[in-house]
Amino acid sequence: MNKNDITSRLSGRRQGIIDEHQMRHYAVFLPLIEKEDDIYVLFEVRAKHMKRQPGEICFPGGMVDRTDNSPAEAAVRELCEETGIRQNEAAITGSLDKIISPFRQIIFPYAGFLDPASSFQPNEEEVDKLFTVPLSFFIETKPDRHLIHLQVEPEAGFPFESIPNGKRYAWSAGTHHEYFYYYGSYVIWGLTARIMKHFVDETASP
C-alpha cells in the first residue's frame, strides 16, 4: 500500500458511522393531520401485551427491513401496518435528524401529513389505541427535562492490565436528557418526546 492507494480509497468517500452495519436501523413517522382549527399530531398507545414498552406512547415506526428501499419507505410501511391507513393517504414532508442511541440503534425520524379523511383501523397486535394532540400544545408547552446518568461497566475478563491505571482507569461518564410532556392523562416521554421537541424546534422556533 502506498500514498496513491490510500488517496484513491478515501478521496470522495461518503462519511458514515463506524460499525453502522452492525447497528439496528429503525424508522419513525411523526404523523400530522391538518383540520380547520389546528394541526394535530397522531400518537399510538402500544398494546399492553407487547414485550417491549407495553402501554407506552409512541409514534408509528419499527425496524427497517431488507425489503425496504430506504428508511423513509420503512416509516410509511410501519405507519400503514400499525394504523390501518392506505399508503396513498400518507405523504412524508421531510426528514428530521437521525438519532444514534447508546444501544447500537440508529433511528431515522420523518414527519408528514395524513389524509384527514383516513379511516384508522389500529393493528391490535401492536396498538392499543390512537389519539391526537393539537400541535399548538407542543408549541406552547415547554417539556419537563430530567437527566439519566450513563456509566461504563466493563465486562468480566476485561484486560485492565493492558490499560493505564488498570481498574482505576478514569472512564468517562455521560448524561442523557429525557423529556416529558403531560397532556391530560397521557405522558409522552423518552424517544417520542425527544423527536417531538426536535420537530417543534425545527419548525416553530423563531
Protein backbone atom coordinates (compact mmCIF):
# COMPACT_ATOMS: atom_id res chain seq x y z
CA MET A 1 0.00 0.00 0.00
CA ASN A 2 1.23 3.48 -0.86
CA LYS A 3 0.02 7.08 -0.82
CA ASN A 4 -1.90 6.70 -4.10
CA ASP A 5 -3.68 3.58 -2.82
CA ILE A 6 -4.84 5.38 0.31
CA THR A 7 -5.85 8.50 -1.60
CA SER A 8 -7.90 6.52 -4.13
CA ARG A 9 -9.76 4.75 -1.30
CA LEU A 10 -10.57 7.88 0.70
CA SER A 11 -10.98 10.56 -1.97
CA GLY A 12 -14.68 11.30 -2.42
CA ARG A 13 -15.69 8.75 0.20
CA ARG A 14 -19.02 9.48 1.92
CA GLN A 15 -18.57 9.92 5.65
CA GLY A 16 -20.58 7.37 7.57
CA ILE A 17 -20.72 5.98 11.10
CA ILE A 18 -18.16 3.46 12.35
CA ASP A 19 -19.77 0.00 12.75
CA GLU A 20 -23.03 1.30 11.25
CA HIS A 21 -23.60 -2.05 9.51
CA GLN A 22 -23.67 -3.71 12.94
CA MET A 23 -26.37 -1.39 14.27
CA ARG A 24 -30.11 -1.95 14.04
CA HIS A 25 -31.86 0.64 11.90
CA TYR A 26 -35.32 1.92 12.81
CA ALA A 27 -37.65 4.36 11.08
CA VAL A 28 -40.28 6.54 12.77
CA PHE A 29 -43.15 8.53 11.26
CA LEU A 30 -44.38 11.67 13.05
CA PRO A 31 -47.94 11.90 11.65
CA LEU A 32 -49.66 15.26 11.23
CA ILE A 33 -53.34 15.79 10.44
CA GLU A 34 -54.50 19.21 9.25
CA LYS A 35 -58.01 20.20 10.30
CA GLU A 36 -59.86 23.50 10.16
CA ASP A 37 -58.91 24.68 13.65
CA ASP A 38 -55.38 23.32 14.03
CA ILE A 39 -52.81 20.75 13.01
CA TYR A 40 -52.90 17.61 15.14
CA VAL A 41 -50.20 15.08 15.99
CA LEU A 42 -51.19 11.41 15.97
CA PHE A 43 -49.83 9.10 18.67
CA GLU A 44 -50.14 5.41 19.44
CA VAL A 45 -50.53 3.67 22.78
CA ARG A 46 -48.64 0.40 22.49
CA ALA A 47 -50.60 -2.79 23.16
CA LYS A 48 -50.34 -3.96 26.76
CA HIS A 49 -49.28 -7.48 25.78
CA MET A 50 -46.17 -6.24 23.94
CA LYS A 51 -42.87 -7.50 25.39
CA ARG A 52 -41.14 -4.15 24.94
CA GLN A 53 -42.59 -0.92 26.32
CA PRO A 54 -46.19 -2.14 26.77
CA GLY A 55 -48.72 0.63 27.23
CA GLU A 56 -46.25 3.39 26.37
CA ILE A 57 -46.94 6.22 23.95
CA CYS A 58 -45.04 6.31 20.68
CA PHE A 59 -45.09 7.28 17.04
CA PRO A 60 -45.65 4.65 14.35
CA GLY A 61 -42.38 3.01 13.41
CA GLY A 62 -40.21 -0.06 13.52
CA MET A 63 -37.17 -1.80 12.16
CA VAL A 64 -36.02 -1.14 8.61
CA ASP A 65 -36.37 -4.45 6.73
CA ARG A 66 -34.15 -5.69 3.93
CA THR A 67 -37.13 -5.38 1.61
CA ASP A 68 -37.40 -1.64 2.31
CA ASN A 69 -35.68 0.54 -0.27
CA SER A 70 -34.99 3.24 2.31
CA PRO A 71 -35.73 4.19 5.92
CA ALA A 72 -38.39 6.58 4.59
CA GLU A 73 -40.15 3.69 2.88
CA ALA A 74 -39.96 1.71 6.12
CA ALA A 75 -41.52 4.60 8.05
CA VAL A 76 -44.53 4.72 5.72
CA ARG A 77 -44.87 0.92 5.73
CA GLU A 78 -44.87 0.79 9.53
CA LEU A 79 -47.35 3.67 9.70
CA CYS A 80 -49.78 1.83 7.43
CA GLU A 81 -49.32 -1.52 9.17
CA GLU A 82 -49.94 -0.06 12.62
CA THR A 83 -52.75 2.43 11.92
CA GLY A 84 -54.54 0.66 9.06
CA ILE A 85 -54.45 3.57 6.62
CA ARG A 86 -53.51 3.17 2.96
CA GLN A 87 -50.13 4.19 1.62
CA ASN A 88 -51.65 6.86 -0.61
CA GLU A 89 -53.14 8.52 2.47
CA ALA A 90 -49.72 9.46 3.87
CA ALA A 91 -47.03 11.73 2.48
CA ILE A 92 -43.64 12.44 4.01
CA THR A 93 -42.97 16.18 4.24
CA GLY A 94 -39.34 15.90 5.29
CA SER A 95 -36.78 14.19 7.45
CA LEU A 96 -35.68 15.05 10.97
CA ASP A 97 -32.21 14.47 12.40
CA LYS A 98 -31.32 10.83 12.91
CA ILE A 99 -30.59 9.56 16.40
CA ILE A 100 -27.76 7.24 17.39
CA SER A 101 -28.70 5.56 20.66
CA PRO A 102 -26.32 4.04 23.22
CA PHE A 103 -27.92 0.67 22.41
CA ARG A 104 -26.45 0.24 18.92
CA GLN A 105 -29.51 1.64 17.21
CA ILE A 106 -29.93 4.31 14.55
CA ILE A 107 -33.36 5.92 14.37
CA PHE A 108 -34.46 7.75 11.22
CA PRO A 109 -37.42 10.07 12.01
CA TYR A 110 -39.68 11.56 9.34
CA ALA A 111 -42.63 13.93 9.54
CA GLY A 112 -45.55 14.01 7.18
CA PHE A 113 -49.24 14.65 6.70
CA LEU A 114 -52.08 12.15 6.65
CA ASP A 115 -55.33 12.49 4.74
CA PRO A 116 -57.86 13.89 7.27
CA ALA A 117 -60.47 11.56 5.79
CA SER A 118 -58.38 8.46 6.53
CA SER A 119 -60.19 5.60 8.25
CA PHE A 120 -57.97 4.33 11.05
CA GLN A 121 -58.01 0.66 11.99
CA PRO A 122 -55.28 0.12 14.60
CA ASN A 123 -53.42 -3.18 14.46
CA GLU A 124 -54.44 -4.83 17.74
CA GLU A 125 -51.26 -6.91 17.80
CA GLU A 126 -49.23 -3.74 18.30
CA VAL A 127 -51.54 -0.84 19.10
CA ASP A 128 -53.99 -0.43 21.97
CA LYS A 129 -55.41 2.86 20.70
CA LEU A 130 -54.68 6.05 18.79
CA PHE A 131 -55.13 9.61 19.96
CA THR A 132 -54.28 13.11 18.75
CA VAL A 133 -52.84 16.20 20.40
CA PRO A 134 -53.03 19.71 18.93
CA LEU A 135 -49.65 20.77 17.60
CA SER A 136 -50.23 24.12 19.31
CA PHE A 137 -49.94 22.34 22.67
CA PHE A 138 -46.35 21.35 21.93
CA ILE A 139 -45.51 24.78 20.56
CA GLU A 140 -46.85 26.46 23.70
CA THR A 141 -45.66 23.86 26.24
CA LYS A 142 -42.06 23.51 27.32
CA PRO A 143 -41.36 19.87 28.23
CA ASP A 144 -40.00 18.87 31.61
CA ARG A 145 -36.39 17.74 31.38
CA HIS A 146 -34.62 15.18 33.52
CA LEU A 147 -31.18 13.61 33.35
CA ILE A 148 -30.22 9.96 33.15
CA HIS A 149 -26.63 9.20 34.08
CA LEU A 150 -24.77 6.67 31.95
CA GLN A 151 -21.77 4.85 33.39
CA VAL A 152 -19.23 2.44 31.90
CA GLU A 153 -19.20 -1.10 33.28
CA PRO A 154 -16.52 -3.30 31.65
CA GLU A 155 -17.37 -6.95 31.14
CA ALA A 156 -15.84 -9.77 33.18
CA GLY A 157 -12.42 -10.61 31.82
CA PHE A 158 -11.75 -7.09 30.55
CA PRO A 159 -7.93 -6.70 30.17
CA PHE A 160 -7.39 -3.99 32.78
CA GLU A 161 -3.71 -4.91 32.85
CA SER A 162 -3.39 -3.57 29.29
CA ILE A 163 -4.58 -0.03 30.02
CA PRO A 164 -3.10 2.80 32.13
CA ASN A 165 -4.13 2.67 35.82
CA GLY A 166 -5.85 -0.69 35.35
CA LYS A 167 -9.08 -0.97 37.32
CA ARG A 168 -8.64 2.63 38.48
CA TYR A 169 -8.89 3.90 34.91
CA ALA A 170 -10.91 7.13 34.81
CA TRP A 171 -13.77 6.17 32.49
CA SER A 172 -15.84 8.97 31.03
CA ALA A 173 -19.41 9.17 32.28
CA GLY A 174 -22.28 10.58 30.28
CA THR A 175 -25.71 12.07 30.75
CA HIS A 176 -28.83 11.67 28.65
CA HIS A 177 -31.73 14.14 28.56
CA GLU A 178 -35.23 12.71 28.95
CA TYR A 179 -38.15 14.98 28.08
CA PHE A 180 -41.70 14.71 29.41
CA TYR A 181 -44.93 16.20 28.05
CA TYR A 182 -48.11 15.84 30.12
CA TYR A 183 -51.34 16.06 28.14
CA GLY A 184 -54.40 15.13 30.18
CA SER A 185 -53.86 11.55 31.36
CA TYR A 186 -51.19 10.91 28.73
CA VAL A 187 -47.47 11.01 29.50
CA ILE A 188 -45.35 11.45 26.38
CA TRP A 189 -41.70 10.86 27.16
CA GLY A 190 -38.50 9.17 26.04
CA LEU A 191 -37.61 8.93 22.37
CA THR A 192 -41.10 10.06 21.35
CA ALA A 193 -40.85 13.28 23.36
CA ARG A 194 -37.32 13.85 22.11
CA ILE A 195 -38.43 13.61 18.48
CA MET A 196 -41.47 15.79 19.18
CA LYS A 197 -39.33 18.50 20.78
CA HIS A 198 -36.86 18.35 17.89
CA PHE A 199 -39.72 18.75 15.40
CA VAL A 200 -41.03 21.83 17.23
CA ASP A 201 -37.53 23.30 17.47
CA GLU A 202 -37.04 22.87 13.72
CA THR A 203 -40.44 24.09 12.56
CA ALA A 204 -41.83 26.54 15.11
CA SER A 205 -38.85 28.22 16.74
CA PRO A 206 -38.27 31.87 15.72
